């Protein structure tokens, strides 16, 4: 038995396959499907996001593949054969070691802090725009109040003139 690797739709799929004879021909039969990994997770790491993706994908792959390999121990012929298959798969989909897992934890924490920072910057921007809009509205309201006061004073002056004229007419 050996590991078979296939790529389709941006997924790198891993199978356990054995050769068998059917009608005098050698055919390969799939014994088990171990799982798949996003092909971007297997490329050289270029940035923190890709590195986080890579480590998470490989952890998920191995968490699913190891129990499947353990279940095949009798069919594969013992622990040594399982270890050989595991090492063959590890050559193509590296097992995330403790330093990588610690790096993932740090990257996830940094990502969370960056996300919170970005959210805070966004809220500050909204608040600044809201304050600016409120200041504009206050300035408009103050201008309207000045105009209304001016108009009211005109009306009061006009009313006082009419009252004075009415008084003068009453006295005549």
C-alpha atoms as a PDB file:
ATOM      1  CA  UNK A   1       0.000   0.000   0.000  1.00  0.00           C
ATOM      2  CA  UNK A   2       1.080   3.540  -0.654  1.00  0.00           C
ATOM      3  CA  UNK A   3      -0.120   7.121  -0.490  1.00  0.00           C
ATOM      4  CA  UNK A   4      -1.697   8.640  -3.589  1.00  0.00           C
ATOM      5  CA  UNK A   5      -1.884  12.407  -3.998  1.00  0.00           C
ATOM      6  CA  UNK A   6      -4.361  14.211  -6.247  1.00  0.00           C
ATOM      7  CA  UNK A   7      -5.050  17.889  -6.828  1.00  0.00           C
ATOM      8  CA  UNK A   8      -8.471  19.146  -7.826  1.00  0.00           C
ATOM      9  CA  UNK A   9     -10.287  22.417  -7.343  1.00  0.00           C
ATOM     10  CA  UNK A  10      -7.517  23.970  -5.221  1.00  0.00           C
ATOM     11  CA  UNK A  11      -7.547  20.969  -2.881  1.00  0.00           C
ATOM     12  CA  UNK A  12      -4.641  18.576  -2.408  1.00  0.00           C
ATOM     13  CA  UNK A  13      -6.250  15.195  -1.632  1.00  0.00           C
ATOM     14  CA  UNK A  14      -4.524  12.246   0.015  1.00  0.00           C
ATOM     15  CA  UNK A  15      -5.576   8.604  -0.379  1.00  0.00           C
ATOM     16  CA  UNK A  16      -4.222   5.242   0.796  1.00  0.00           C
ATOM     17  CA  UNK A  17      -4.141   2.970  -2.260  1.00  0.00           C
ATOM     18  CA  UNK A  18      -3.181  -0.637  -2.898  1.00  0.00           C
ATOM     19  CA  UNK A  19      -2.472  -2.502  -6.109  1.00  0.00           C
ATOM     20  CA  UNK A  20      -4.690  -5.461  -6.996  1.00  0.00           C
ATOM     21  CA  UNK A  21      -5.230  -7.690 -10.022  1.00  0.00           C
ATOM     22  CA  UNK A  22      -8.558  -7.786 -11.804  1.00  0.00           C
ATOM     23  CA  UNK A  23      -9.058  -9.738 -14.982  1.00  0.00           C
ATOM     24  CA  UNK A  24      -5.306 -10.036 -15.351  1.00  0.00           C
ATOM     25  CA  UNK A  25      -4.757  -6.302 -15.100  1.00  0.00           C
ATOM     26  CA  UNK A  26      -3.189  -4.362 -12.251  1.00  0.00           C
ATOM     27  CA  UNK A  27      -5.592  -1.805 -10.824  1.00  0.00           C
ATOM     28  CA  UNK A  28      -5.296   0.561  -7.914  1.00  0.00           C
ATOM     29  CA  UNK A  29      -7.989   0.379  -5.266  1.00  0.00           C
ATOM     30  CA  UNK A  30      -8.550   3.161  -2.796  1.00  0.00           C
ATOM     31  CA  UNK A  31      -8.343   1.814   0.739  1.00  0.00           C
ATOM     32  CA  UNK A  32      -8.954   5.078   2.557  1.00  0.00           C
ATOM     33  CA  UNK A  33      -9.357   8.768   1.946  1.00  0.00           C
ATOM     34  CA  UNK A  34      -7.210  10.606   4.495  1.00  0.00           C
ATOM     35  CA  UNK A  35      -8.409  14.114   3.729  1.00  0.00           C
ATOM     36  CA  UNK A  36      -7.521  17.230   1.808  1.00  0.00           C
ATOM     37  CA  UNK A  37      -5.657  20.485   2.255  1.00  0.00           C
ATOM     38  CA  UNK A  38      -6.052  23.806   0.465  1.00  0.00           C
ATOM     39  CA  UNK A  39      -3.204  23.926  -2.071  1.00  0.00           C
ATOM     40  CA  UNK A  40      -2.361  27.464  -0.930  1.00  0.00           C
ATOM     41  CA  UNK A  41      -1.520  25.961   2.485  1.00  0.00           C
ATOM     42  CA  UNK A  42       1.294  23.950   0.921  1.00  0.00           C
ATOM     43  CA  UNK A  43       2.956  26.856  -0.886  1.00  0.00           C
ATOM     44  CA  UNK A  44       5.834  28.864   0.544  1.00  0.00           C
ATOM     45  CA  UNK A  45       4.583  31.273   3.159  1.00  0.00           C
ATOM     46  CA  UNK A  46       4.532  34.839   1.925  1.00  0.00           C
ATOM     47  CA  UNK A  47       2.641  36.658   4.654  1.00  0.00           C
ATOM     48  CA  UNK A  48       1.083  36.147   8.066  1.00  0.00           C
ATOM     49  CA  UNK A  49      -2.394  35.360   6.694  1.00  0.00           C
ATOM     50  CA  UNK A  50      -1.067  32.629   4.400  1.00  0.00           C
ATOM     51  CA  UNK A  51       1.034  31.223   7.229  1.00  0.00           C
ATOM     52  CA  UNK A  52      -2.035  31.104   9.507  1.00  0.00           C
ATOM     53  CA  UNK A  53      -4.002  29.365   6.742  1.00  0.00           C
ATOM     54  CA  UNK A  54      -1.205  26.875   6.178  1.00  0.00           C
ATOM     55  CA  UNK A  55      -0.822  25.860   9.811  1.00  0.00           C
ATOM     56  CA  UNK A  56      -4.587  25.688  10.446  1.00  0.00           C
ATOM     57  CA  UNK A  57      -5.196  23.608   7.303  1.00  0.00           C
ATOM     58  CA  UNK A  58      -2.386  21.185   8.119  1.00  0.00           C
ATOM     59  CA  UNK A  59      -3.535  20.803  11.743  1.00  0.00           C
ATOM     60  CA  UNK A  60      -7.074  20.048  10.551  1.00  0.00           C
ATOM     61  CA  UNK A  61      -5.757  17.581   7.958  1.00  0.00           C
ATOM     62  CA  UNK A  62      -3.630  15.654  10.458  1.00  0.00           C
ATOM     63  CA  UNK A  63      -6.373  15.639  13.109  1.00  0.00           C
ATOM     64  CA  UNK A  64      -8.557  13.829  10.571  1.00  0.00           C
ATOM     65  CA  UNK A  65      -5.861  11.642   8.986  1.00  0.00           C
ATOM     66  CA  UNK A  66      -4.260  10.177  12.130  1.00  0.00           C
ATOM     67  CA  UNK A  67      -7.397   8.396  13.406  1.00  0.00           C
ATOM     68  CA  UNK A  68      -8.005   6.994   9.917  1.00  0.00           C
ATOM     69  CA  UNK A  69      -4.455   5.650   9.757  1.00  0.00           C
ATOM     70  CA  UNK A  70      -4.843   4.094  13.216  1.00  0.00           C
ATOM     71  CA  UNK A  71      -8.016   2.349  12.072  1.00  0.00           C
ATOM     72  CA  UNK A  72      -6.069   0.839   9.158  1.00  0.00           C
ATOM     73  CA  UNK A  73      -3.301  -0.631  11.356  1.00  0.00           C
ATOM     74  CA  UNK A  74      -4.478  -4.252  10.916  1.00  0.00           C
ATOM     75  CA  UNK A  75      -5.119  -3.943   7.191  1.00  0.00           C
ATOM     76  CA  UNK A  76      -1.783  -2.215   6.556  1.00  0.00           C
ATOM     77  CA  UNK A  77       0.223  -4.833   8.423  1.00  0.00           C
ATOM     78  CA  UNK A  78       1.197  -3.153  11.664  1.00  0.00           C
ATOM     79  CA  UNK A  79       2.503   0.024  13.205  1.00  0.00           C
ATOM     80  CA  UNK A  80       5.652   0.091  11.057  1.00  0.00           C
ATOM     81  CA  UNK A  81       3.626   0.250   7.838  1.00  0.00           C
ATOM     82  CA  UNK A  82       1.389   2.994   9.277  1.00  0.00           C
ATOM     83  CA  UNK A  83       4.495   4.945  10.244  1.00  0.00           C
ATOM     84  CA  UNK A  84       5.914   4.528   6.737  1.00  0.00           C
ATOM     85  CA  UNK A  85       2.678   5.847   5.199  1.00  0.00           C
ATOM     86  CA  UNK A  86       2.531   8.685   7.728  1.00  0.00           C
ATOM     87  CA  UNK A  87       6.077   9.715   6.797  1.00  0.00           C
ATOM     88  CA  UNK A  88       5.239   9.565   3.066  1.00  0.00           C
ATOM     89  CA  UNK A  89       2.270  11.861   3.651  1.00  0.00           C
ATOM     90  CA  UNK A  90       4.343  14.080   5.969  1.00  0.00           C
ATOM     91  CA  UNK A  91       6.793  14.644   3.102  1.00  0.00           C
ATOM     92  CA  UNK A  92       3.976  16.302   1.103  1.00  0.00           C
ATOM     93  CA  UNK A  93       1.778  17.690   3.915  1.00  0.00           C
ATOM     94  CA  UNK A  94       4.121  18.570   6.783  1.00  0.00           C
ATOM     95  CA  UNK A  95       2.967  17.813  10.290  1.00  0.00           C
ATOM     96  CA  UNK A  96       2.722  21.135  12.217  1.00  0.00           C
ATOM     97  CA  UNK A  97       5.324  20.906  14.984  1.00  0.00           C
ATOM     98  CA  UNK A  98       5.050  22.670  18.364  1.00  0.00           C
ATOM     99  CA  UNK A  99       6.972  25.797  17.277  1.00  0.00           C
ATOM    100  CA  UNK A 100       4.565  26.212  14.336  1.00  0.00           C
ATOM    101  CA  UNK A 101       1.570  25.707  16.613  1.00  0.00           C
ATOM    102  CA  UNK A 102       2.936  28.352  18.980  1.00  0.00           C
ATOM    103  CA  UNK A 103       3.517  30.658  15.992  1.00  0.00           C
ATOM    104  CA  UNK A 104      -0.099  30.067  14.938  1.00  0.00           C
ATOM    105  CA  UNK A 105      -1.284  31.015  18.428  1.00  0.00           C
ATOM    106  CA  UNK A 106       0.764  34.225  18.276  1.00  0.00           C
ATOM    107  CA  UNK A 107      -0.419  35.024  14.731  1.00  0.00           C
ATOM    108  CA  UNK A 108      -4.056  34.451  15.718  1.00  0.00           C
ATOM    109  CA  UNK A 109      -3.650  36.730  18.737  1.00  0.00           C
ATOM    110  CA  UNK A 110      -1.938  39.413  16.627  1.00  0.00           C
ATOM    111  CA  UNK A 111      -4.686  39.090  13.999  1.00  0.00           C
ATOM    112  CA  UNK A 112      -7.318  39.537  16.711  1.00  0.00           C
ATOM    113  CA  UNK A 113      -5.572  42.664  18.045  1.00  0.00           C
ATOM    114  CA  UNK A 114      -5.234  44.083  14.513  1.00  0.00           C
ATOM    115  CA  UNK A 115      -8.914  43.372  13.915  1.00  0.00           C
ATOM    116  CA  UNK A 116      -9.862  45.183  17.138  1.00  0.00           C
ATOM    117  CA  UNK A 117      -7.569  48.085  16.203  1.00  0.00           C
ATOM    118  CA  UNK A 118      -9.170  48.336  12.747  1.00  0.00           C
ATOM    119  CA  UNK A 119     -12.612  48.276  14.362  1.00  0.00           C
ATOM    120  CA  UNK A 120     -11.598  51.052  16.763  1.00  0.00           C
ATOM    121  CA  UNK A 121     -10.222  53.165  13.912  1.00  0.00           C
ATOM    122  CA  UNK A 122     -13.504  52.669  12.051  1.00  0.00           C
ATOM    123  CA  UNK A 123     -15.573  53.704  15.104  1.00  0.00           C
ATOM    124  CA  UNK A 124     -13.341  56.762  15.635  1.00  0.00           C
ATOM    125  CA  UNK A 125     -13.881  57.711  11.984  1.00  0.00           C
ATOM    126  CA  UNK A 126     -17.656  57.359  12.362  1.00  0.00           C
ATOM    127  CA  UNK A 127     -17.562  59.444  15.534  1.00  0.00           C
ATOM    128  CA  UNK A 128     -15.463  62.154  13.882  1.00  0.00           C
ATOM    129  CA  UNK A 129     -17.853  62.293  10.928  1.00  0.00           C
ATOM    130  CA  UNK A 130     -20.802  62.408  13.326  1.00  0.00           C
ATOM    131  CA  UNK A 131     -19.181  65.230  15.321  1.00  0.00           C
ATOM    132  CA  UNK A 132     -18.447  67.161  12.110  1.00  0.00           C
ATOM    133  CA  UNK A 133     -22.030  66.672  10.934  1.00  0.00           C
ATOM    134  CA  UNK A 134     -23.359  67.758  14.336  1.00  0.00           C
ATOM    135  CA  UNK A 135     -21.153  70.869  14.255  1.00  0.00           C
ATOM    136  CA  UNK A 136     -22.522  71.705  10.808  1.00  0.00           C
ATOM    137  CA  UNK A 137     -26.083  71.275  12.065  1.00  0.00           C
ATOM    138  CA  UNK A 138     -25.336  73.434  15.121  1.00  0.00           C
ATOM    139  CA  UNK A 139     -23.816  76.139  12.908  1.00  0.00           C
ATOM    140  CA  UNK A 140     -26.891  76.055  10.645  1.00  0.00           C
ATOM    141  CA  UNK A 141     -29.219  76.166  13.650  1.00  0.00           C
ATOM    142  CA  UNK A 142     -27.299  79.109  15.140  1.00  0.00           C
ATOM    143  CA  UNK A 143     -27.512  80.951  11.810  1.00  0.00           C
ATOM    144  CA  UNK A 144     -31.251  80.239  11.654  1.00  0.00           C
ATOM    145  CA  UNK A 145     -31.614  81.488  15.250  1.00  0.00           C
ATOM    146  CA  UNK A 146     -29.761  84.721  14.375  1.00  0.00           C
ATOM    147  CA  UNK A 147     -32.007  85.212  11.350  1.00  0.00           C
ATOM    148  CA  UNK A 148     -35.128  84.468  13.414  1.00  0.00           C
ATOM    149  CA  UNK A 149     -33.974  86.894  16.167  1.00  0.00           C
ATOM    150  CA  UNK A 150     -33.296  89.556  13.551  1.00  0.00           C
ATOM    151  CA  UNK A 151     -36.715  88.950  11.969  1.00  0.00           C
ATOM    152  CA  UNK A 152     -38.370  88.979  15.412  1.00  0.00           C
ATOM    153  CA  UNK A 153     -36.706  92.315  16.242  1.00  0.00           C
ATOM    154  CA  UNK A 154     -37.981  93.713  12.919  1.00  0.00           C
ATOM    155  CA  UNK A 155     -41.472  92.448  13.748  1.00  0.00           C
ATOM    156  CA  UNK A 156     -41.282  93.937  17.265  1.00  0.00           C
ATOM    157  CA  UNK A 157     -40.071  97.245  15.839  1.00  0.00           C
ATOM    158  CA  UNK A 158     -42.867  97.193  13.271  1.00  0.00           C
ATOM    159  CA  UNK A 159     -45.410  96.328  15.990  1.00  0.00           C
ATOM    160  CA  UNK A 160     -44.140  99.191  18.161  1.00  0.00           C
ATOM    161  CA  UNK A 161     -44.492 101.558  15.205  1.00  0.00           C
ATOM    162  CA  UNK A 162     -48.057 100.402  14.573  1.00  0.00           C
ATOM    163  CA  UNK A 163     -48.843 100.736  18.280  1.00  0.00           C
ATOM    164  CA  UNK A 164     -47.437 104.269  18.296  1.00  0.00           C
ATOM    165  CA  UNK A 165     -49.507 105.133  15.190  1.00  0.00           C
ATOM    166  CA  UNK A 166     -52.597 103.584  16.791  1.00  0.00           C
ATOM    167  CA  UNK A 167     -52.000 105.629  19.971  1.00  0.00           C
ATOM    168  CA  UNK A 168     -51.573 108.761  17.919  1.00  0.00           C
ATOM    169  CA  UNK A 169     -54.792 108.073  16.034  1.00  0.00           C
ATOM    170  CA  UNK A 170     -56.675 107.412  19.278  1.00  0.00           C
ATOM    171  CA  UNK A 171     -55.485 110.726  20.734  1.00  0.00           C
ATOM    172  CA  UNK A 172     -56.764 112.674  17.729  1.00  0.00           C
END
